[in-house]
Protein backbone atom coordinates (compact mmCIF):
# COMPACT_ATOMS: atom_id res chain seq x y z
CA MET A 1 -229.01 115.49 -52.33
CA PRO A 2 -232.52 114.62 -53.95
CA GLU A 3 -233.97 118.48 -53.24
CA GLY A 4 -230.84 119.68 -55.44
CA VAL A 5 -231.84 117.46 -58.30
CA LEU A 6 -235.40 118.87 -57.88
CA LYS A 7 -234.39 122.38 -57.73
CA ILE A 8 -232.41 121.75 -61.01
CA GLU A 9 -235.11 120.54 -62.74
CA ALA A 10 -237.35 123.34 -61.61
CA SER A 11 -235.17 125.90 -63.18
CA ASP A 12 -235.59 127.15 -66.66
CA SER A 13 -231.76 127.19 -67.87
CA SER A 14 -229.97 124.24 -69.01
CA LEU A 15 -226.83 125.68 -68.25
CA GLN A 16 -227.78 126.73 -64.63
CA ALA A 17 -228.82 122.56 -64.00
CA VAL A 18 -225.00 121.91 -65.64
CA ASP A 19 -223.53 123.93 -63.43
CA ALA A 20 -225.39 123.07 -60.50
CA LEU A 21 -224.68 119.49 -61.08
CA GLU A 22 -220.58 120.38 -61.84
CA ALA A 23 -220.94 121.81 -58.22
CA ALA A 24 -223.06 118.91 -56.66
CA PHE A 25 -220.61 116.16 -58.13
CA GLY A 26 -217.49 118.11 -58.48
CA VAL A 27 -216.39 117.59 -62.04
CA GLY A 28 -215.83 121.23 -62.94
CA SER A 29 -212.56 121.11 -64.59
CA GLU A 30 -213.24 117.71 -66.61
CA ARG A 31 -216.33 119.51 -67.88
CA ILE A 32 -214.14 122.64 -68.90
CA ASP A 33 -211.37 120.61 -70.80
CA VAL A 34 -214.61 118.76 -72.82
CA LEU A 35 -215.75 122.06 -73.71
CA THR A 36 -212.54 123.32 -74.69
CA GLN A 37 -212.05 120.30 -76.95
CA ARG A 38 -215.50 120.56 -78.51
CA ARG A 39 -214.92 124.40 -79.34
CA ALA A 40 -211.49 123.44 -80.60
CA ARG A 41 -212.93 120.46 -82.90
CA GLN A 42 -215.92 122.75 -84.25
CA ASP A 43 -213.51 125.60 -85.16
CA LEU A 44 -211.22 123.07 -87.05
CA ARG A 45 -214.36 121.89 -88.63
CA ARG A 46 -215.32 124.77 -89.74
CA GLN A 47 -212.04 125.92 -90.94
CA ILE A 48 -211.54 122.76 -93.03
CA ALA A 49 -215.23 123.21 -94.57
CA LEU A 50 -214.15 126.63 -95.60
CA LEU A 51 -210.87 125.51 -97.48
CA GLU A 52 -213.05 122.73 -98.82
CA LYS A 53 -215.27 125.27 -100.20
CA ARG A 54 -212.56 127.54 -101.68
CA LEU A 55 -210.89 124.33 -103.14
CA GLY A 56 -214.21 123.67 -104.98
CA GLU A 57 -214.61 127.29 -105.99
CA LEU A 58 -211.39 127.33 -107.20
CA PHE A 59 -211.99 124.04 -109.26
CA ALA A 60 -215.19 125.20 -110.47
CA SER A 61 -213.57 128.62 -112.05
CA VAL A 62 -210.88 126.77 -113.69
CA PHE A 63 -212.68 123.63 -114.51
CA PRO A 64 -211.54 122.44 -118.23
CA ARG A 65 -208.40 122.49 -117.07
CA GLN A 66 -206.62 119.06 -116.30
CA GLY A 67 -203.70 117.94 -114.51
CA MET A 68 -204.37 119.44 -111.39
CA ASP A 69 -205.22 117.77 -107.94
CA TRP A 70 -208.38 118.89 -106.44
CA THR A 71 -209.09 115.74 -104.72
CA VAL A 72 -209.96 116.00 -100.90
CA GLY A 73 -208.30 113.06 -99.09
CA ALA A 74 -210.03 111.43 -95.74
CA ILE A 75 -207.76 110.67 -93.04
CA GLY A 76 -209.18 107.33 -92.30
CA GLY A 77 -212.20 105.57 -91.58
CA PRO A 78 -215.39 106.34 -89.99
CA ARG A 79 -214.63 108.14 -86.27
CA VAL A 80 -214.38 111.41 -84.36
CA LEU A 81 -211.32 112.91 -85.15
CA GLY A 82 -209.43 114.42 -82.31
CA VAL A 83 -208.24 118.04 -82.54
CA ALA A 84 -204.40 117.03 -83.18
CA GLU A 85 -205.84 114.82 -86.65
CA LEU A 86 -208.22 117.86 -87.54
CA GLU A 87 -205.22 120.45 -87.25
CA ARG A 88 -203.33 117.87 -89.65
CA VAL A 89 -206.13 117.59 -91.80
CA ARG A 90 -206.65 121.45 -92.07
CA ASP A 91 -203.19 122.11 -92.52
CA ALA A 92 -202.72 119.86 -95.53
CA LEU A 93 -205.79 121.08 -97.23
CA ALA A 94 -204.07 124.61 -96.81
CA ALA A 95 -201.03 123.47 -98.29
CA ARG A 96 -203.18 121.87 -101.30
CA PHE A 97 -205.23 124.98 -101.62
CA ARG A 98 -201.52 127.33 -101.52
CA GLU A 99 -200.38 125.01 -104.18
CA ALA A 100 -203.27 124.94 -106.49
CA GLN A 101 -203.46 128.41 -106.46
CA ALA A 102 -199.73 128.88 -107.39
CA GLU A 103 -199.90 126.27 -110.06
CA LEU A 104 -203.30 128.17 -111.61
CA GLY A 105 -201.22 131.42 -111.15
CA ARG A 106 -198.51 130.16 -113.29
CA ARG A 107 -200.69 128.32 -115.56
CA GLY A 108 -202.51 131.63 -115.93
CA GLN A 109 -199.50 133.87 -116.81
CA ILE A 110 -198.52 131.05 -119.28
CA GLU A 111 -201.70 131.07 -120.98
CA GLU A 112 -201.53 134.81 -121.52
CA GLN A 113 -198.15 134.75 -122.71
CA ASN A 114 -199.47 132.00 -125.23
CA ARG A 115 -202.53 134.79 -126.06
CA GLY A 116 -199.75 137.24 -126.89
CA LEU A 117 -198.09 134.74 -129.18
CA VAL A 118 -201.25 134.19 -130.97
CA GLU A 119 -201.78 138.01 -131.15
CA ALA A 120 -198.21 138.56 -132.47
CA MET A 121 -198.80 135.38 -135.02
CA ILE A 122 -201.71 137.16 -136.62
CA ALA A 123 -199.77 140.38 -137.01
CA GLU A 124 -196.68 139.23 -138.37
CA PRO A 125 -197.12 135.60 -139.54
CA GLN A 126 -193.20 135.51 -141.67
CA ARG A 127 -191.85 136.32 -138.27
CA TYR A 128 -193.24 133.02 -136.47
CA ARG A 129 -193.01 130.40 -139.19
CA TRP A 130 -194.44 126.90 -138.37
CA VAL A 131 -195.25 127.89 -135.08
CA ARG A 132 -198.56 126.07 -133.62
CA VAL A 133 -200.23 126.89 -130.49
CA SER A 134 -203.43 124.82 -129.63
CA ASN A 135 -206.77 126.03 -127.53
CA GLN A 136 -205.33 124.07 -124.46
CA ASP A 137 -202.11 126.80 -124.55
CA VAL A 138 -204.47 129.62 -124.29
CA GLY A 139 -206.71 127.96 -121.71
CA GLU A 140 -209.56 127.49 -123.58
CA PRO A 141 -211.62 123.85 -124.48
CA GLY A 142 -211.01 122.33 -127.84
CA CYS A 143 -209.16 120.69 -130.20
CA GLN A 144 -208.33 123.95 -132.34
CA HIS A 145 -204.99 125.29 -133.24
CA TRP A 146 -203.40 128.19 -135.18
CA HIS A 147 -200.48 126.93 -137.34
CA SER A 148 -198.38 130.16 -139.20
CA ARG A 149 -197.71 128.31 -142.47
CA PRO A 150 -196.98 129.49 -146.32
CA ARG A 151 -199.98 130.65 -148.29
CA TRP A 152 -199.28 128.37 -151.21
CA GLY A 153 -197.02 125.59 -150.40
CA ILE A 154 -193.41 125.79 -151.56
CA LEU A 155 -193.90 129.00 -153.31
CA GLY A 156 -195.29 130.71 -151.05
CA MET A 157 -192.44 129.89 -148.57
CA LEU A 158 -190.22 130.97 -151.32
CA LEU A 159 -191.55 134.31 -151.73
CA GLY A 160 -192.49 135.13 -148.14
CA TRP A 161 -196.19 134.79 -148.25
CA TRP A 162 -197.20 133.48 -144.46
CA ARG A 163 -200.32 132.97 -142.82
CA VAL A 164 -202.07 132.14 -139.58
CA LYS A 165 -204.46 129.33 -140.06
CA LEU A 166 -206.96 128.50 -137.95
CA SER A 167 -208.09 124.88 -137.68
CA SER A 168 -211.53 123.69 -137.67
CA GLY A 169 -211.86 121.90 -134.60
CA CYS A 170 -211.54 118.36 -133.74
CA PRO A 171 -211.22 115.88 -136.41
CA LEU A 172 -214.15 113.55 -137.09
CA ALA A 173 -214.26 109.88 -136.31
CA LYS A 174 -212.22 108.11 -138.86
CA GLY A 175 -213.98 105.17 -140.62
CA PRO A 176 -217.07 102.87 -139.57
CA ARG A 177 -217.71 101.69 -135.98
CA PRO A 178 -215.99 97.91 -136.16
CA GLN A 179 -218.59 95.50 -135.75
CA GLN A 180 -219.50 93.51 -132.59
CA THR A 181 -219.03 89.76 -132.31
CA GLY A 182 -220.18 87.21 -130.34
CA THR A 183 -223.56 88.41 -129.14
C-alpha cells in the first residue's frame, strides 16, 4: 500500500492521484455522487446568480417606478443548500422575474396609453374637459401634471375655450418649520 501512495505523490496530475486513491480504497461510486451533486449545485448557483442579475437589471431600467417587488429573499440562515433547496430558490426567483416582466409590460402599455391621452388632450382640449394626467401616469418622476381646464374660468367654460395647463411641478413646503422643544 505505501508504494502505491508514493507513486501517487510522484505523479504530476491531481486527477490521477484521486483515481489511484479511489482504486486503492474502492470508493468510486460515492465519489461520483459527490461530484455530480457538486456540479449540480454549481450549475444551480450560476442560474440563480444570472436570474438575480437580470432582476437587478430590470430594476435599474425602471428605477423611479414604485410598487413592484424587487427583493431577493433568503431561504434561511447561513448554510450549504442542497440541490433540492437550490432548485426551489431558482424556481421562485424565475417566477418572480416573470411576474416582474409581466407587470412591467402591463404598466408600460398603460403609460403609453396615458402619453397618447396627453397628446390628444393637447390637440383637442375641449374633448377632454377636466381630465388630469400626472407624471407618474406616464412613467416619469416628478409632481407635475397636465390638466384640461377652461381658459377664463366660467366665461371660458360657457364659450368653449379650453386649454391644457401643465403644472409647474412639486409644491413648495408650506410655512416655517416647527420649533424644536426640549433640547
